[in-house]
Amino acid sequence: MAIDSLADVALKTRTTPEDAGELRCDACSEPIEGEPAGRGLYVWTRGDEVRYEEPPLCAQCATAIGITALATWSVEEEEG
């Protein structure tokens, strides 16, 4: 479910009828066979309303995003 009309249009253009049943990685758009290796997290707020979306990620993107986040957190911890 989209938070506004612009997000709704973006979601509709990403999912076409011919690939509606096919699971694709949210980061690279490659097809995912079987279960996703990970999931992202989008959080939208509007007033008191909070919406969450957990898009699927392929193994390569899930690993890359996780390692990047860990490295960024590690650097922030070292800097104080």
PDB file of N, CA and C in Angstrom:
ATOM      1  N   MET A   1       0.844  -1.171   0.000  1.00  0.00           N
ATOM      2  CA  MET A   1       0.000   0.000   0.000  1.00  0.00           C
ATOM      3  C   MET A   1       0.889   1.233   0.000  1.00  0.00           C
ATOM      4  N   ALA A   2       0.639   2.143  -0.906  1.00  0.00           N
ATOM      5  CA  ALA A   2       1.454   3.345  -1.041  1.00  0.00           C
ATOM      6  C   ALA A   2       0.977   4.429  -0.094  1.00  0.00           C
ATOM      7  N   ILE A   3       1.901   5.284   0.308  1.00  0.00           N
ATOM      8  CA  ILE A   3       1.571   6.343   1.251  1.00  0.00           C
ATOM      9  C   ILE A   3       0.906   7.537   0.561  1.00  0.00           C
ATOM     10  N   ASP A   4       1.202   7.761  -0.703  1.00  0.00           N
ATOM     11  CA  ASP A   4       0.572   8.864  -1.423  1.00  0.00           C
ATOM     12  C   ASP A   4       0.459   8.506  -2.900  1.00  0.00           C
ATOM     13  N   SER A   5      -0.095   9.412  -3.690  1.00  0.00           N
ATOM     14  CA  SER A   5      -0.348   9.094  -5.096  1.00  0.00           C
ATOM     15  C   SER A   5       0.941   8.906  -5.885  1.00  0.00           C
ATOM     16  N   LEU A   6       1.989   9.656  -5.584  1.00  0.00           N
ATOM     17  CA  LEU A   6       3.258   9.507  -6.284  1.00  0.00           C
ATOM     18  C   LEU A   6       3.871   8.132  -6.002  1.00  0.00           C
ATOM     19  N   ALA A   7       3.846   7.720  -4.748  1.00  0.00           N
ATOM     20  CA  ALA A   7       4.361   6.397  -4.396  1.00  0.00           C
ATOM     21  C   ALA A   7       3.514   5.303  -5.032  1.00  0.00           C
ATOM     22  N   ASP A   8       2.217   5.516  -5.113  1.00  0.00           N
ATOM     23  CA  ASP A   8       1.318   4.547  -5.731  1.00  0.00           C
ATOM     24  C   ASP A   8       1.665   4.344  -7.197  1.00  0.00           C
ATOM     25  N   VAL A   9       1.907   5.428  -7.921  1.00  0.00           N
ATOM     26  CA  VAL A   9       2.278   5.337  -9.337  1.00  0.00           C
ATOM     27  C   VAL A   9       3.615   4.618  -9.484  1.00  0.00           C
ATOM     28  N   ALA A  10       4.572   4.930  -8.604  1.00  0.00           N
ATOM     29  CA  ALA A  10       5.875   4.276  -8.667  1.00  0.00           C
ATOM     30  C   ALA A  10       5.757   2.775  -8.448  1.00  0.00           C
ATOM     31  N   LEU A  11       4.927   2.372  -7.497  1.00  0.00           N
ATOM     32  CA  LEU A  11       4.733   0.950  -7.248  1.00  0.00           C
ATOM     33  C   LEU A  11       4.064   0.258  -8.429  1.00  0.00           C
ATOM     34  N   LYS A  12       3.099   0.918  -9.044  1.00  0.00           N
ATOM     35  CA  LYS A  12       2.397   0.313 -10.184  1.00  0.00           C
ATOM     36  C   LYS A  12       3.321   0.158 -11.381  1.00  0.00           C
ATOM     37  N   THR A  13       4.236   1.099 -11.618  1.00  0.00           N
ATOM     38  CA  THR A  13       5.138   0.983 -12.759  1.00  0.00           C
ATOM     39  C   THR A  13       6.184  -0.091 -12.533  1.00  0.00           C
ATOM     40  N   ARG A  14       6.497  -0.391 -11.279  1.00  0.00           N
ATOM     41  CA  ARG A  14       7.480  -1.430 -10.980  1.00  0.00           C
ATOM     42  C   ARG A  14       6.900  -2.822 -11.114  1.00  0.00           C
ATOM     43  N   THR A  15       5.611  -2.986 -10.987  1.00  0.00           N
ATOM     44  CA  THR A  15       4.963  -4.293 -11.074  1.00  0.00           C
ATOM     45  C   THR A  15       4.035  -4.308 -12.275  1.00  0.00           C
ATOM     46  N   THR A  16       4.449  -5.036 -13.289  1.00  0.00           N
ATOM     47  CA  THR A  16       3.614  -5.173 -14.471  1.00  0.00           C
ATOM     48  C   THR A  16       2.888  -6.502 -14.403  1.00  0.00           C
ATOM     49  N   PRO A  17       1.763  -6.658 -15.127  1.00  0.00           N
ATOM     50  CA  PRO A  17       0.990  -7.895 -15.046  1.00  0.00           C
ATOM     51  C   PRO A  17       1.790  -9.157 -15.384  1.00  0.00           C
ATOM     52  N   GLU A  18       2.718  -9.082 -16.338  1.00  0.00           N
ATOM     53  CA  GLU A  18       3.431 -10.288 -16.720  1.00  0.00           C
ATOM     54  C   GLU A  18       4.431 -10.753 -15.668  1.00  0.00           C
ATOM     55  N   ASP A  19       4.923  -9.843 -14.809  1.00  0.00           N
ATOM     56  CA  ASP A  19       5.862 -10.285 -13.787  1.00  0.00           C
ATOM     57  C   ASP A  19       5.297 -10.118 -12.379  1.00  0.00           C
ATOM     58  N   ALA A  20       3.989 -10.011 -12.254  1.00  0.00           N
ATOM     59  CA  ALA A  20       3.369  -9.792 -10.946  1.00  0.00           C
ATOM     60  C   ALA A  20       3.646 -10.943  -9.990  1.00  0.00           C
ATOM     61  N   GLY A  21       3.776 -12.181 -10.500  1.00  0.00           N
ATOM     62  CA  GLY A  21       4.032 -13.328  -9.643  1.00  0.00           C
ATOM     63  C   GLY A  21       5.509 -13.577  -9.410  1.00  0.00           C
ATOM     64  N   GLU A  22       6.372 -12.858 -10.116  1.00  0.00           N
ATOM     65  CA  GLU A  22       7.804 -13.068 -10.008  1.00  0.00           C
ATOM     66  C   GLU A  22       8.387 -12.172  -8.921  1.00  0.00           C
ATOM     67  N   LEU A  23       9.163 -12.747  -8.039  1.00  0.00           N
ATOM     68  CA  LEU A  23       9.793 -12.001  -6.960  1.00  0.00           C
ATOM     69  C   LEU A  23      11.093 -11.405  -7.469  1.00  0.00           C
ATOM     70  N   ARG A  24      11.283 -10.091  -7.278  1.00  0.00           N
ATOM     71  CA  ARG A  24      12.488  -9.401  -7.746  1.00  0.00           C
ATOM     72  C   ARG A  24      13.155  -8.673  -6.594  1.00  0.00           C
ATOM     73  N   CYS A  25      14.475  -8.573  -6.670  1.00  0.00           N
ATOM     74  CA  CYS A  25      15.254  -7.856  -5.669  1.00  0.00           C
ATOM     75  C   CYS A  25      14.916  -6.368  -5.760  1.00  0.00           C
ATOM     76  N   ASP A  26      14.679  -5.744  -4.630  1.00  0.00           N
ATOM     77  CA  ASP A  26      14.327  -4.327  -4.600  1.00  0.00           C
ATOM     78  C   ASP A  26      15.512  -3.435  -4.956  1.00  0.00           C
ATOM     79  N   ALA A  27      16.733  -3.890  -4.727  1.00  0.00           N
ATOM     80  CA  ALA A  27      17.913  -3.072  -4.989  1.00  0.00           C
ATOM     81  C   ALA A  27      18.392  -3.171  -6.442  1.00  0.00           C
ATOM     82  N   CYS A  28      18.439  -4.380  -6.999  1.00  0.00           N
ATOM     83  CA  CYS A  28      18.990  -4.546  -8.354  1.00  0.00           C
ATOM     84  C   CYS A  28      17.965  -5.018  -9.383  1.00  0.00           C
ATOM     85  N   SER A  29      16.764  -5.341  -8.956  1.00  0.00           N
ATOM     86  CA  SER A  29      15.659  -5.773  -9.823  1.00  0.00           C
ATOM     87  C   SER A  29      15.871  -7.129 -10.494  1.00  0.00           C
ATOM     88  N   GLU A  30      16.864  -7.891 -10.053  1.00  0.00           N
ATOM     89  CA  GLU A  30      17.068  -9.229 -10.602  1.00  0.00           C
ATOM     90  C   GLU A  30      16.032 -10.187 -10.018  1.00  0.00           C
ATOM     91  N   PRO A  31      15.586 -11.179 -10.799  1.00  0.00           N
ATOM     92  CA  PRO A  31      14.618 -12.150 -10.271  1.00  0.00           C
ATOM     93  C   PRO A  31      15.225 -12.966  -9.130  1.00  0.00           C
ATOM     94  N   ILE A  32      14.393 -13.297  -8.151  1.00  0.00           N
ATOM     95  CA  ILE A  32      14.824 -14.113  -7.015  1.00  0.00           C
ATOM     96  C   ILE A  32      14.136 -15.461  -7.118  1.00  0.00           C
ATOM     97  N   GLU A  33      14.945 -16.523  -7.124  1.00  0.00           N
ATOM     98  CA  GLU A  33      14.391 -17.872  -7.143  1.00  0.00           C
ATOM     99  C   GLU A  33      14.291 -18.361  -5.710  1.00  0.00           C
ATOM    100  N   GLY A  34      13.152 -18.865  -5.336  1.00  0.00           N
ATOM    101  CA  GLY A  34      12.956 -19.347  -3.971  1.00  0.00           C
ATOM    102  C   GLY A  34      12.712 -18.187  -3.014  1.00  0.00           C
ATOM    103  N   GLU A  35      13.193 -18.353  -1.792  1.00  0.00           N
ATOM    104  CA  GLU A  35      13.004 -17.335  -0.758  1.00  0.00           C
ATOM    105  C   GLU A  35      14.059 -16.239  -0.896  1.00  0.00           C
ATOM    106  N   PRO A  36      13.695 -14.990  -0.558  1.00  0.00           N
ATOM    107  CA  PRO A  36      14.691 -13.917  -0.573  1.00  0.00           C
ATOM    108  C   PRO A  36      15.766 -14.165   0.493  1.00  0.00           C
ATOM    109  N   ALA A  37      16.980 -13.696   0.211  1.00  0.00           N
ATOM    110  CA  ALA A  37      18.078 -13.855   1.167  1.00  0.00           C
ATOM    111  C   ALA A  37      17.964 -12.864   2.315  1.00  0.00           C
ATOM    112  N   GLY A  38      17.229 -11.799   2.094  1.00  0.00           N
ATOM    113  CA  GLY A  38      17.041 -10.785   3.124  1.00  0.00           C
ATOM    114  C   GLY A  38      15.908  -9.859   2.740  1.00  0.00           C
ATOM    115  N   ARG A  39      15.647  -8.904   3.587  1.00  0.00           N
ATOM    116  CA  ARG A  39      14.601  -7.920   3.315  1.00  0.00           C
ATOM    117  C   ARG A  39      15.088  -6.554   3.755  1.00  0.00           C
ATOM    118  N   GLY A  40      14.695  -5.537   3.000  1.00  0.00           N
ATOM    119  CA  GLY A  40      15.000  -4.166   3.375  1.00  0.00           C
ATOM    120  C   GLY A  40      13.916  -3.650   4.298  1.00  0.00           C
ATOM    121  N   LEU A  41      13.998  -2.387   4.637  1.00  0.00           N
ATOM    122  CA  LEU A  41      12.961  -1.787   5.465  1.00  0.00           C
ATOM    123  C   LEU A  41      12.778  -0.337   5.053  1.00  0.00           C
ATOM    124  N   TYR A  42      11.578   0.004   4.621  1.00  0.00           N
ATOM    125  CA  TYR A  42      11.192   1.383   4.347  1.00  0.00           C
ATOM    126  C   TYR A  42      10.186   1.784   5.411  1.00  0.00           C
ATOM    127  N   VAL A  43      10.344   2.982   5.944  1.00  0.00           N
ATOM    128  CA  VAL A  43       9.421   3.494   6.953  1.00  0.00           C
ATOM    129  C   VAL A  43       8.951   4.874   6.496  1.00  0.00           C
ATOM    130  N   TRP A  44       7.626   5.040   6.416  1.00  0.00           N
ATOM    131  CA  TRP A  44       7.031   6.325   6.062  1.00  0.00           C
ATOM    132  C   TRP A  44       6.191   6.806   7.225  1.00  0.00           C
ATOM    133  N   THR A  45       6.218   8.084   7.443  1.00  0.00           N
ATOM    134  CA  THR A  45       5.326   8.652   8.450  1.00  0.00           C
ATOM    135  C   THR A  45       4.575   9.822   7.847  1.00  0.00           C
ATOM    136  N   ARG A  46       3.371   9.967   8.267  1.00  0.00           N
ATOM    137  CA  ARG A  46       2.546  11.113   7.893  1.00  0.00           C
ATOM    138  C   ARG A  46       1.620  11.369   9.070  1.00  0.00           C
ATOM    139  N   GLY A  47       1.894  12.470   9.771  1.00  0.00           N
ATOM    140  CA  GLY A  47       1.113  12.746  10.969  1.00  0.00           C
ATOM    141  C   GLY A  47       1.360  11.645  11.986  1.00  0.00           C
ATOM    142  N   ASP A  48       0.280  11.050  12.474  1.00  0.00           N
ATOM    143  CA  ASP A  48       0.383   9.959  13.447  1.00  0.00           C
ATOM    144  C   ASP A  48       0.473   8.591  12.787  1.00  0.00           C
ATOM    145  N   GLU A  49       0.316   8.544  11.473  1.00  0.00           N
ATOM    146  CA  GLU A  49       0.322   7.273  10.749  1.00  0.00           C
ATOM    147  C   GLU A  49       1.751   6.864  10.390  1.00  0.00           C
ATOM    148  N   VAL A  50       2.087   5.602  10.627  1.00  0.00           N
ATOM    149  CA  VAL A  50       3.391   5.047  10.276  1.00  0.00           C
ATOM    150  C   VAL A  50       3.158   3.825   9.400  1.00  0.00           C
ATOM    151  N   ARG A  51       3.874   3.761   8.281  1.00  0.00           N
ATOM    152  CA  ARG A  51       3.749   2.612   7.380  1.00  0.00           C
ATOM    153  C   ARG A  51       5.115   1.984   7.180  1.00  0.00           C
ATOM    154  N   TYR A  52       5.120   0.660   7.047  1.00  0.00           N
ATOM    155  CA  TYR A  52       6.341  -0.097   6.855  1.00  0.00           C
ATOM    156  C   TYR A  52       6.237  -0.931   5.587  1.00  0.00           C
ATOM    157  N   GLU A  53       7.361  -1.095   4.907  1.00  0.00           N
ATOM    158  CA  GLU A  53       7.428  -1.997   3.756  1.00  0.00           C
ATOM    159  C   GLU A  53       8.736  -2.767   3.876  1.00  0.00           C
ATOM    160  N   GLU A  54       8.683  -4.069   3.678  1.00  0.00           N
ATOM    161  CA  GLU A  54       9.869  -4.910   3.748  1.00  0.00           C
ATOM    162  C   GLU A  54      10.085  -5.594   2.400  1.00  0.00           C
ATOM    163  N   PRO A  55      10.742  -4.895   1.455  1.00  0.00           N
ATOM    164  CA  PRO A  55      10.946  -5.474   0.130  1.00  0.00           C
ATOM    165  C   PRO A  55      12.015  -6.569   0.145  1.00  0.00           C
ATOM    166  N   PRO A  56      11.883  -7.545  -0.748  1.00  0.00           N
ATOM    167  CA  PRO A  56      12.842  -8.652  -0.796  1.00  0.00           C
ATOM    168  C   PRO A  56      14.182  -8.221  -1.384  1.00  0.00           C
ATOM    169  N   LEU A  57      15.259  -8.900  -0.960  1.00  0.00           N
ATOM    170  CA  LEU A  57      16.602  -8.657  -1.478  1.00  0.00           C
ATOM    171  C   LEU A  57      17.243  -9.980  -1.887  1.00  0.00           C
ATOM    172  N   CYS A  58      18.012  -9.956  -2.988  1.00  0.00           N
ATOM    173  CA  CYS A  58      18.749 -11.148  -3.413  1.00  0.00           C
ATOM    174  C   CYS A  58      19.953 -11.324  -2.481  1.00  0.00           C
ATOM    175  N   ALA A  59      20.640 -12.444  -2.591  1.00  0.00           N
ATOM    176  CA  ALA A  59      21.761 -12.744  -1.698  1.00  0.00           C
ATOM    177  C   ALA A  59      22.878 -11.715  -1.827  1.00  0.00           C
ATOM    178  N   GLN A  60      23.215 -11.318  -3.048  1.00  0.00           N
ATOM    179  CA  GLN A  60      24.299 -10.356  -3.235  1.00  0.00           C
ATOM    180  C   GLN A  60      23.962  -8.996  -2.632  1.00  0.00           C
ATOM    181  N   CYS A  61      22.770  -8.497  -2.881  1.00  0.00           N
ATOM    182  CA  CYS A  61      22.387  -7.184  -2.370  1.00  0.00           C
ATOM    183  C   CYS A  61      22.200  -7.206  -0.861  1.00  0.00           C
ATOM    184  N   ALA A  62      21.622  -8.275  -0.324  1.00  0.00           N
ATOM    185  CA  ALA A  62      21.441  -8.383   1.123  1.00  0.00           C
ATOM    186  C   ALA A  62      22.798  -8.373   1.823  1.00  0.00           C
ATOM    187  N   THR A  63      23.765  -9.097   1.271  1.00  0.00           N
ATOM    188  CA  THR A  63      25.104  -9.131   1.849  1.00  0.00           C
ATOM    189  C   THR A  63      25.782  -7.770   1.742  1.00  0.00           C
ATOM    190  N   ALA A  64      25.719  -7.156   0.558  1.00  0.00           N
ATOM    191  CA  ALA A  64      26.367  -5.858   0.350  1.00  0.00           C
ATOM    192  C   ALA A  64      25.782  -4.781   1.260  1.00  0.00           C
ATOM    193  N   ILE A  65      24.475  -4.735   1.379  1.00  0.00           N
ATOM    194  CA  ILE A  65      23.826  -3.738   2.228  1.00  0.00           C
ATOM    195  C   ILE A  65      24.160  -3.990   3.698  1.00  0.00           C
ATOM    196  N   GLY A  66      24.146  -5.240   4.111  1.00  0.00           N
ATOM    197  CA  GLY A  66      24.470  -5.574   5.497  1.00  0.00           C
ATOM    198  C   GLY A  66      25.909  -5.236   5.859  1.00  0.00           C
ATOM    199  N   ILE A  67      26.866  -5.575   4.995  1.00  0.00           N
ATOM    200  CA  ILE A  67      28.276  -5.289   5.250  1.00  0.00           C
ATOM    201  C   ILE A  67      28.520  -3.777   5.258  1.00  0.00           C
ATOM    202  N   THR A  68      27.882  -3.046   4.338  1.00  0.00           N
ATOM    203  CA  THR A  68      28.032  -1.594   4.301  1.00  0.00           C
ATOM    204  C   THR A  68      27.494  -0.955   5.582  1.00  0.00           C
ATOM    205  N   ALA A  69      26.341  -1.418   6.037  1.00  0.00           N
ATOM    206  CA  ALA A  69      25.761  -0.885   7.273  1.00  0.00           C
ATOM    207  C   ALA A  69      26.657  -1.190   8.467  1.00  0.00           C
ATOM    208  N   LEU A  70      27.195  -2.403   8.524  1.00  0.00           N
ATOM    209  CA  LEU A  70      28.074  -2.785   9.623  1.00  0.00           C
ATOM    210  C   LEU A  70      29.352  -1.949   9.617  1.00  0.00           C
ATOM    211  N   ALA A  71      29.932  -1.743   8.440  1.00  0.00           N
ATOM    212  CA  ALA A  71      31.152  -0.936   8.335  1.00  0.00           C
ATOM    213  C   ALA A  71      30.893   0.514   8.730  1.00  0.00           C
ATOM    214  N   THR A  72      29.768   1.053   8.303  1.00  0.00           N
ATOM    215  CA  THR A  72      29.409   2.431   8.651  1.00  0.00           C
ATOM    216  C   THR A  72      29.209   2.563  10.155  1.00  0.00           C
ATOM    217  N   TRP A  73      28.526   1.622  10.759  1.00  0.00           N
ATOM    218  CA  TRP A  73      28.289   1.646  12.201  1.00  0.00           C
ATOM    219  C   TRP A  73      29.606   1.528  12.960  1.00  0.00           C
ATOM    220  N   SER A  74      30.508   0.670  12.469  1.00  0.00           N
ATOM    221  CA  SER A  74      31.804   0.472  13.098  1.00  0.00           C
ATOM    222  C   SER A  74      32.628   1.755  13.068  1.00  0.00           C
ATOM    223  N   VAL A  75      32.628   2.461  11.942  1.00  0.00           N
ATOM    224  CA  VAL A  75      33.371   3.713  11.820  1.00  0.00           C
ATOM    225  C   VAL A  75      32.792   4.764  12.766  1.00  0.00           C
ATOM    226  N   GLU A  76      31.473   4.835  12.848  1.00  0.00           N
ATOM    227  CA  GLU A  76      30.829   5.799  13.748  1.00  0.00           C
ATOM    228  C   GLU A  76      31.181   5.506  15.203  1.00  0.00           C
ATOM    229  N   GLU A  77      31.276   4.237  15.564  1.00  0.00           N
ATOM    230  CA  GLU A  77      31.627   3.850  16.934  1.00  0.00           C
ATOM    231  C   GLU A  77      33.065   4.260  17.255  1.00  0.00           C
ATOM    232  N   GLU A  78      33.971   4.102  16.288  1.00  0.00           N
ATOM    233  CA  GLU A  78      35.375   4.443  16.503  1.00  0.00           C
ATOM    234  C   GLU A  78      35.576   5.952  16.637  1.00  0.00           C
ATOM    235  N   GLU A  79      34.788   6.724  15.880  1.00  0.00           N
ATOM    236  CA  GLU A  79      34.930   8.176  15.903  1.00  0.00           C
ATOM    237  C   GLU A  79      34.320   8.796  17.156  1.00  0.00           C
ATOM    238  N   GLY A  80      33.490   8.063  17.822  1.00  0.00           N
ATOM    239  CA  GLY A  80      32.970   8.554  19.082  1.00  0.00           C
ATOM    240  C   GLY A  80      31.580   8.962  19.041  1.00  0.00           C
TER     241      GLY A  80
END
